[in-house]
């Protein structure tokens, strides 16, 4: 991402191209797709661009863990083991200063998980 953000000032559409690999799991092969080069600016904007197609500026693992955590938070009586399992996934996927932590820690402690 940093490379793409850094190349914005130097990208020349006359001589440069941007390609994206898309994996087709059904065929077990990758497809090379030419993409339009657009200046997205900050790295977070690159992560959520069609190039990387993330919903948030995090890894896919972090994004998946947060999605599961939010679904669990919507349950009326979440299972303590599930809360603990998701907590471990969040520990593995999120940085210590991720803005999702305060929301999650309150929820986990309210549901009996020691954090």
N, C-alpha and C. Protein backbone atom coordinates (compact mmCIF):
# COMPACT_ATOMS: atom_id res chain seq x y z
N UNK A 1 0.81 -1.18 0.00
CA UNK A 1 0.00 0.00 0.00
C UNK A 1 0.86 1.26 0.00
N UNK A 2 1.91 1.19 0.79
CA UNK A 2 2.78 2.36 0.85
C UNK A 2 3.39 2.64 -0.52
N UNK A 3 3.74 1.58 -1.22
CA UNK A 3 4.31 1.75 -2.55
C UNK A 3 3.31 2.43 -3.47
N UNK A 4 2.06 2.01 -3.42
CA UNK A 4 1.05 2.62 -4.29
C UNK A 4 0.81 4.08 -3.92
N UNK A 5 0.71 4.35 -2.64
CA UNK A 5 0.50 5.74 -2.22
C UNK A 5 1.70 6.60 -2.61
N UNK A 6 2.90 6.04 -2.48
CA UNK A 6 4.11 6.80 -2.81
C UNK A 6 4.26 7.02 -4.31
N UNK A 7 3.66 6.15 -5.11
CA UNK A 7 3.82 6.26 -6.56
C UNK A 7 2.85 7.25 -7.19
N UNK A 8 1.93 7.79 -6.43
CA UNK A 8 0.92 8.69 -7.00
C UNK A 8 1.52 9.86 -7.76
N UNK A 9 2.57 10.42 -7.23
CA UNK A 9 3.18 11.60 -7.88
C UNK A 9 3.96 11.23 -9.13
N UNK A 10 4.30 9.95 -9.28
CA UNK A 10 5.17 9.54 -10.38
C UNK A 10 4.49 8.67 -11.43
N UNK A 11 3.27 8.23 -11.16
CA UNK A 11 2.58 7.32 -12.09
C UNK A 11 2.29 8.04 -13.40
N UNK A 12 2.75 7.45 -14.49
CA UNK A 12 2.53 8.01 -15.83
C UNK A 12 1.72 6.99 -16.63
N UNK A 13 0.45 7.26 -16.91
CA UNK A 13 -0.39 6.29 -17.61
C UNK A 13 0.10 5.94 -19.01
N UNK A 14 1.02 6.74 -19.55
CA UNK A 14 1.58 6.44 -20.87
C UNK A 14 2.56 5.26 -20.82
N UNK A 15 3.20 5.09 -19.67
CA UNK A 15 4.21 4.03 -19.58
C UNK A 15 3.98 3.07 -18.40
N UNK A 16 3.12 3.44 -17.45
CA UNK A 16 2.89 2.62 -16.27
C UNK A 16 1.50 1.97 -16.32
N UNK A 17 1.39 0.85 -15.66
CA UNK A 17 0.11 0.14 -15.55
C UNK A 17 -0.04 -0.43 -14.15
N UNK A 18 -1.27 -0.63 -13.75
CA UNK A 18 -1.58 -1.23 -12.46
C UNK A 18 -2.42 -2.48 -12.71
N UNK A 19 -1.97 -3.60 -12.16
CA UNK A 19 -2.68 -4.86 -12.32
C UNK A 19 -3.03 -5.43 -10.95
N UNK A 20 -4.09 -6.19 -10.91
CA UNK A 20 -4.52 -6.85 -9.70
C UNK A 20 -4.68 -8.33 -9.99
N UNK A 21 -4.22 -9.16 -9.09
CA UNK A 21 -4.43 -10.59 -9.22
C UNK A 21 -5.71 -10.96 -8.49
N UNK A 22 -6.58 -11.70 -9.15
CA UNK A 22 -7.80 -12.22 -8.53
C UNK A 22 -7.73 -13.74 -8.59
N UNK A 23 -7.89 -14.37 -7.45
CA UNK A 23 -7.84 -15.81 -7.40
C UNK A 23 -9.22 -16.39 -7.64
N UNK A 24 -9.32 -17.29 -8.60
CA UNK A 24 -10.55 -18.02 -8.86
C UNK A 24 -10.39 -19.38 -8.20
N UNK A 25 -11.00 -19.53 -7.02
CA UNK A 25 -10.83 -20.76 -6.26
C UNK A 25 -11.48 -21.95 -6.94
N UNK A 26 -12.50 -21.71 -7.75
CA UNK A 26 -13.15 -22.82 -8.46
C UNK A 26 -12.21 -23.42 -9.50
N UNK A 27 -11.46 -22.58 -10.17
CA UNK A 27 -10.54 -23.06 -11.20
C UNK A 27 -9.12 -23.25 -10.67
N UNK A 28 -8.89 -22.82 -9.44
CA UNK A 28 -7.58 -22.91 -8.81
C UNK A 28 -6.51 -22.20 -9.65
N UNK A 29 -6.86 -21.00 -10.10
CA UNK A 29 -5.91 -20.21 -10.88
C UNK A 29 -6.14 -18.72 -10.61
N UNK A 30 -5.16 -17.93 -10.94
CA UNK A 30 -5.24 -16.49 -10.75
C UNK A 30 -5.51 -15.81 -12.09
N UNK A 31 -6.24 -14.71 -12.01
CA UNK A 31 -6.53 -13.91 -13.19
C UNK A 31 -5.87 -12.55 -13.01
N UNK A 32 -5.23 -12.06 -14.04
CA UNK A 32 -4.57 -10.76 -14.02
C UNK A 32 -5.53 -9.73 -14.61
N UNK A 33 -5.88 -8.73 -13.82
CA UNK A 33 -6.86 -7.73 -14.24
C UNK A 33 -6.20 -6.36 -14.24
N UNK A 34 -6.28 -5.66 -15.37
CA UNK A 34 -5.74 -4.31 -15.44
C UNK A 34 -6.72 -3.37 -14.74
N UNK A 35 -6.17 -2.50 -13.88
CA UNK A 35 -6.97 -1.58 -13.09
C UNK A 35 -6.64 -0.15 -13.48
N UNK A 36 -7.61 0.72 -13.37
CA UNK A 36 -7.35 2.14 -13.55
C UNK A 36 -6.56 2.64 -12.35
N UNK A 37 -5.55 3.46 -12.62
CA UNK A 37 -4.79 4.06 -11.53
C UNK A 37 -5.49 5.33 -11.11
N UNK A 38 -5.92 5.35 -9.87
CA UNK A 38 -6.60 6.51 -9.29
C UNK A 38 -5.81 6.92 -8.06
N UNK A 39 -5.68 8.19 -7.85
CA UNK A 39 -5.01 8.68 -6.64
C UNK A 39 -5.98 8.59 -5.47
N UNK A 40 -5.69 7.68 -4.54
CA UNK A 40 -6.54 7.52 -3.36
C UNK A 40 -5.99 8.28 -2.16
N UNK A 41 -4.75 8.76 -2.26
CA UNK A 41 -4.19 9.55 -1.17
C UNK A 41 -3.66 8.69 -0.04
N UNK A 42 -4.25 8.82 1.13
CA UNK A 42 -3.75 8.14 2.32
C UNK A 42 -3.84 6.62 2.17
N UNK A 43 -2.98 5.94 2.87
CA UNK A 43 -2.90 4.48 2.78
C UNK A 43 -4.23 3.84 3.15
N UNK A 44 -4.93 4.38 4.14
CA UNK A 44 -6.24 3.82 4.50
C UNK A 44 -7.19 3.83 3.32
N UNK A 45 -7.14 4.87 2.52
CA UNK A 45 -8.02 4.95 1.35
C UNK A 45 -7.62 3.91 0.31
N UNK A 46 -6.34 3.63 0.20
CA UNK A 46 -5.89 2.58 -0.72
C UNK A 46 -6.43 1.22 -0.27
N UNK A 47 -6.38 0.95 1.03
CA UNK A 47 -6.85 -0.35 1.54
C UNK A 47 -8.33 -0.58 1.27
N UNK A 48 -9.10 0.46 1.31
CA UNK A 48 -10.54 0.32 1.08
C UNK A 48 -10.93 0.60 -0.37
N UNK A 49 -9.95 0.76 -1.22
CA UNK A 49 -10.20 0.98 -2.65
C UNK A 49 -10.50 -0.35 -3.34
N UNK A 50 -10.96 -0.32 -4.59
CA UNK A 50 -11.19 -1.57 -5.32
C UNK A 50 -9.92 -2.40 -5.53
N UNK A 51 -8.77 -1.80 -5.35
CA UNK A 51 -7.52 -2.54 -5.50
C UNK A 51 -7.40 -3.62 -4.42
N UNK A 52 -7.67 -3.25 -3.17
CA UNK A 52 -7.56 -4.20 -2.05
C UNK A 52 -8.94 -4.66 -1.57
N UNK A 53 -9.95 -3.85 -1.78
CA UNK A 53 -11.33 -4.23 -1.52
C UNK A 53 -11.60 -4.63 -0.07
N UNK A 54 -10.99 -3.94 0.86
CA UNK A 54 -11.27 -4.19 2.27
C UNK A 54 -12.36 -3.23 2.73
N UNK A 55 -13.18 -3.69 3.65
CA UNK A 55 -14.22 -2.82 4.20
C UNK A 55 -13.62 -1.77 5.13
N UNK A 56 -12.57 -2.18 5.85
CA UNK A 56 -11.86 -1.29 6.78
C UNK A 56 -10.38 -1.37 6.49
N UNK A 57 -9.64 -0.42 6.97
CA UNK A 57 -8.19 -0.38 6.75
C UNK A 57 -7.48 -1.28 7.75
N UNK A 58 -7.77 -2.57 7.64
CA UNK A 58 -7.17 -3.58 8.50
C UNK A 58 -6.89 -4.81 7.64
N UNK A 59 -6.23 -5.78 8.22
CA UNK A 59 -6.04 -7.04 7.51
C UNK A 59 -7.37 -7.76 7.38
N UNK A 60 -7.44 -8.70 6.47
CA UNK A 60 -8.68 -9.50 6.32
C UNK A 60 -8.99 -10.26 7.60
N UNK A 61 -7.94 -10.76 8.27
CA UNK A 61 -8.15 -11.50 9.51
C UNK A 61 -8.76 -10.60 10.58
N UNK A 62 -8.26 -9.37 10.68
CA UNK A 62 -8.81 -8.42 11.64
C UNK A 62 -10.25 -8.06 11.28
N UNK A 63 -10.48 -7.84 10.01
CA UNK A 63 -11.83 -7.50 9.55
C UNK A 63 -12.81 -8.63 9.87
N UNK A 64 -12.41 -9.88 9.61
CA UNK A 64 -13.27 -11.02 9.90
C UNK A 64 -13.53 -11.18 11.39
N UNK A 65 -12.49 -10.99 12.20
CA UNK A 65 -12.66 -11.09 13.65
C UNK A 65 -13.61 -10.02 14.18
N UNK A 66 -13.50 -8.82 13.66
CA UNK A 66 -14.40 -7.74 14.08
C UNK A 66 -15.83 -8.01 13.65
N UNK A 67 -16.02 -8.53 12.45
CA UNK A 67 -17.37 -8.87 11.99
C UNK A 67 -17.99 -9.90 12.93
N UNK A 68 -17.22 -10.93 13.29
CA UNK A 68 -17.73 -11.95 14.21
C UNK A 68 -18.02 -11.35 15.58
N UNK A 69 -17.14 -10.46 16.03
CA UNK A 69 -17.33 -9.83 17.34
C UNK A 69 -18.61 -8.98 17.35
N UNK A 70 -18.84 -8.23 16.29
CA UNK A 70 -20.04 -7.40 16.23
C UNK A 70 -21.30 -8.25 16.19
N UNK A 71 -21.27 -9.37 15.48
CA UNK A 71 -22.41 -10.27 15.45
C UNK A 71 -22.69 -10.84 16.83
N UNK A 72 -21.64 -11.18 17.54
CA UNK A 72 -21.78 -11.71 18.89
C UNK A 72 -22.35 -10.64 19.83
N UNK A 73 -21.95 -9.40 19.64
CA UNK A 73 -22.43 -8.31 20.49
C UNK A 73 -23.92 -8.06 20.30
N UNK A 74 -24.48 -8.48 19.20
CA UNK A 74 -25.91 -8.30 18.94
C UNK A 74 -26.77 -9.38 19.60
N UNK A 75 -26.15 -10.44 20.08
CA UNK A 75 -26.90 -11.52 20.72
C UNK A 75 -27.37 -11.12 22.11
N UNK A 76 -28.55 -11.61 22.48
CA UNK A 76 -29.10 -11.29 23.80
C UNK A 76 -28.31 -11.92 24.93
N UNK A 77 -27.98 -13.18 24.81
CA UNK A 77 -27.22 -13.89 25.84
C UNK A 77 -26.03 -14.60 25.22
N UNK A 78 -24.97 -13.87 24.91
CA UNK A 78 -23.82 -14.51 24.26
C UNK A 78 -23.18 -15.56 25.16
N UNK A 79 -22.74 -16.62 24.55
CA UNK A 79 -22.07 -17.72 25.23
C UNK A 79 -20.67 -17.27 25.63
N UNK A 80 -20.29 -17.51 26.89
CA UNK A 80 -18.99 -17.07 27.40
C UNK A 80 -17.85 -17.69 26.60
N UNK A 81 -17.99 -18.95 26.19
CA UNK A 81 -16.94 -19.61 25.41
C UNK A 81 -16.78 -18.95 24.05
N UNK A 82 -17.89 -18.54 23.45
CA UNK A 82 -17.81 -17.84 22.16
C UNK A 82 -17.13 -16.49 22.33
N UNK A 83 -17.50 -15.78 23.39
CA UNK A 83 -16.88 -14.47 23.65
C UNK A 83 -15.38 -14.65 23.83
N UNK A 84 -14.98 -15.67 24.58
CA UNK A 84 -13.56 -15.92 24.80
C UNK A 84 -12.85 -16.30 23.50
N UNK A 85 -13.50 -17.11 22.65
CA UNK A 85 -12.91 -17.51 21.37
C UNK A 85 -12.69 -16.29 20.47
N UNK A 86 -13.71 -15.44 20.38
CA UNK A 86 -13.58 -14.22 19.56
C UNK A 86 -12.53 -13.29 20.16
N UNK A 87 -12.47 -13.23 21.47
CA UNK A 87 -11.45 -12.41 22.12
C UNK A 87 -10.05 -12.85 21.69
N UNK A 88 -9.82 -14.15 21.66
CA UNK A 88 -8.51 -14.67 21.24
C UNK A 88 -8.23 -14.33 19.77
N UNK A 89 -9.26 -14.41 18.93
CA UNK A 89 -9.09 -14.05 17.51
C UNK A 89 -8.74 -12.57 17.38
N UNK A 90 -9.39 -11.73 18.18
CA UNK A 90 -9.09 -10.29 18.15
C UNK A 90 -7.66 -10.03 18.61
N UNK A 91 -7.23 -10.73 19.66
CA UNK A 91 -5.85 -10.58 20.14
C UNK A 91 -4.87 -10.92 19.03
N UNK A 92 -5.15 -11.98 18.29
CA UNK A 92 -4.25 -12.40 17.22
C UNK A 92 -4.26 -11.45 16.03
N UNK A 93 -5.38 -10.77 15.80
CA UNK A 93 -5.53 -9.99 14.57
C UNK A 93 -5.39 -8.48 14.72
N UNK A 94 -5.67 -7.94 15.90
CA UNK A 94 -5.69 -6.48 16.06
C UNK A 94 -4.45 -5.96 16.76
N UNK A 95 -4.07 -4.76 16.40
CA UNK A 95 -3.00 -4.06 17.11
C UNK A 95 -3.52 -3.63 18.48
N UNK A 96 -2.62 -3.43 19.40
CA UNK A 96 -3.01 -3.04 20.77
C UNK A 96 -3.76 -1.71 20.81
N UNK A 97 -3.51 -0.84 19.85
CA UNK A 97 -4.15 0.48 19.84
C UNK A 97 -5.31 0.58 18.87
N UNK A 98 -5.83 -0.56 18.41
CA UNK A 98 -6.95 -0.54 17.48
C UNK A 98 -8.17 0.10 18.16
N UNK A 99 -8.87 0.97 17.46
CA UNK A 99 -10.03 1.65 18.06
C UNK A 99 -11.20 0.74 18.41
N UNK A 100 -11.17 -0.51 17.99
CA UNK A 100 -12.25 -1.44 18.33
C UNK A 100 -12.13 -1.96 19.76
N UNK A 101 -10.93 -1.92 20.33
CA UNK A 101 -10.70 -2.51 21.66
C UNK A 101 -11.60 -1.97 22.76
N UNK A 102 -11.75 -0.68 22.96
CA UNK A 102 -12.60 -0.22 24.08
C UNK A 102 -14.01 -0.80 24.03
N UNK A 103 -14.59 -0.80 22.85
CA UNK A 103 -15.94 -1.36 22.69
C UNK A 103 -15.95 -2.84 23.06
N UNK A 104 -14.96 -3.57 22.57
CA UNK A 104 -14.92 -5.00 22.81
C UNK A 104 -14.62 -5.34 24.27
N UNK A 105 -13.66 -4.68 24.86
CA UNK A 105 -13.27 -4.99 26.24
C UNK A 105 -14.45 -4.81 27.18
N UNK A 106 -15.20 -3.75 27.02
CA UNK A 106 -16.39 -3.55 27.85
C UNK A 106 -17.35 -4.72 27.69
N UNK A 107 -17.62 -5.10 26.45
CA UNK A 107 -18.54 -6.21 26.17
C UNK A 107 -18.02 -7.52 26.75
N UNK A 108 -16.76 -7.83 26.52
CA UNK A 108 -16.17 -9.09 27.00
C UNK A 108 -16.23 -9.18 28.53
N UNK A 109 -15.86 -8.11 29.19
CA UNK A 109 -15.89 -8.12 30.66
C UNK A 109 -17.32 -8.25 31.18
N UNK A 110 -18.27 -7.62 30.53
CA UNK A 110 -19.68 -7.74 30.93
C UNK A 110 -20.20 -9.16 30.77
N UNK A 111 -19.52 -9.94 29.92
CA UNK A 111 -19.94 -11.31 29.67
C UNK A 111 -18.99 -12.34 30.27
N UNK A 112 -18.26 -11.91 31.31
CA UNK A 112 -17.48 -12.83 32.11
C UNK A 112 -16.12 -13.23 31.60
N UNK A 113 -15.61 -12.55 30.59
CA UNK A 113 -14.29 -12.88 30.07
C UNK A 113 -13.27 -11.93 30.69
N UNK A 114 -12.23 -12.52 31.25
CA UNK A 114 -11.16 -11.72 31.83
C UNK A 114 -10.24 -11.29 30.71
N UNK A 115 -10.05 -9.96 30.58
CA UNK A 115 -9.20 -9.45 29.50
C UNK A 115 -7.94 -8.82 30.04
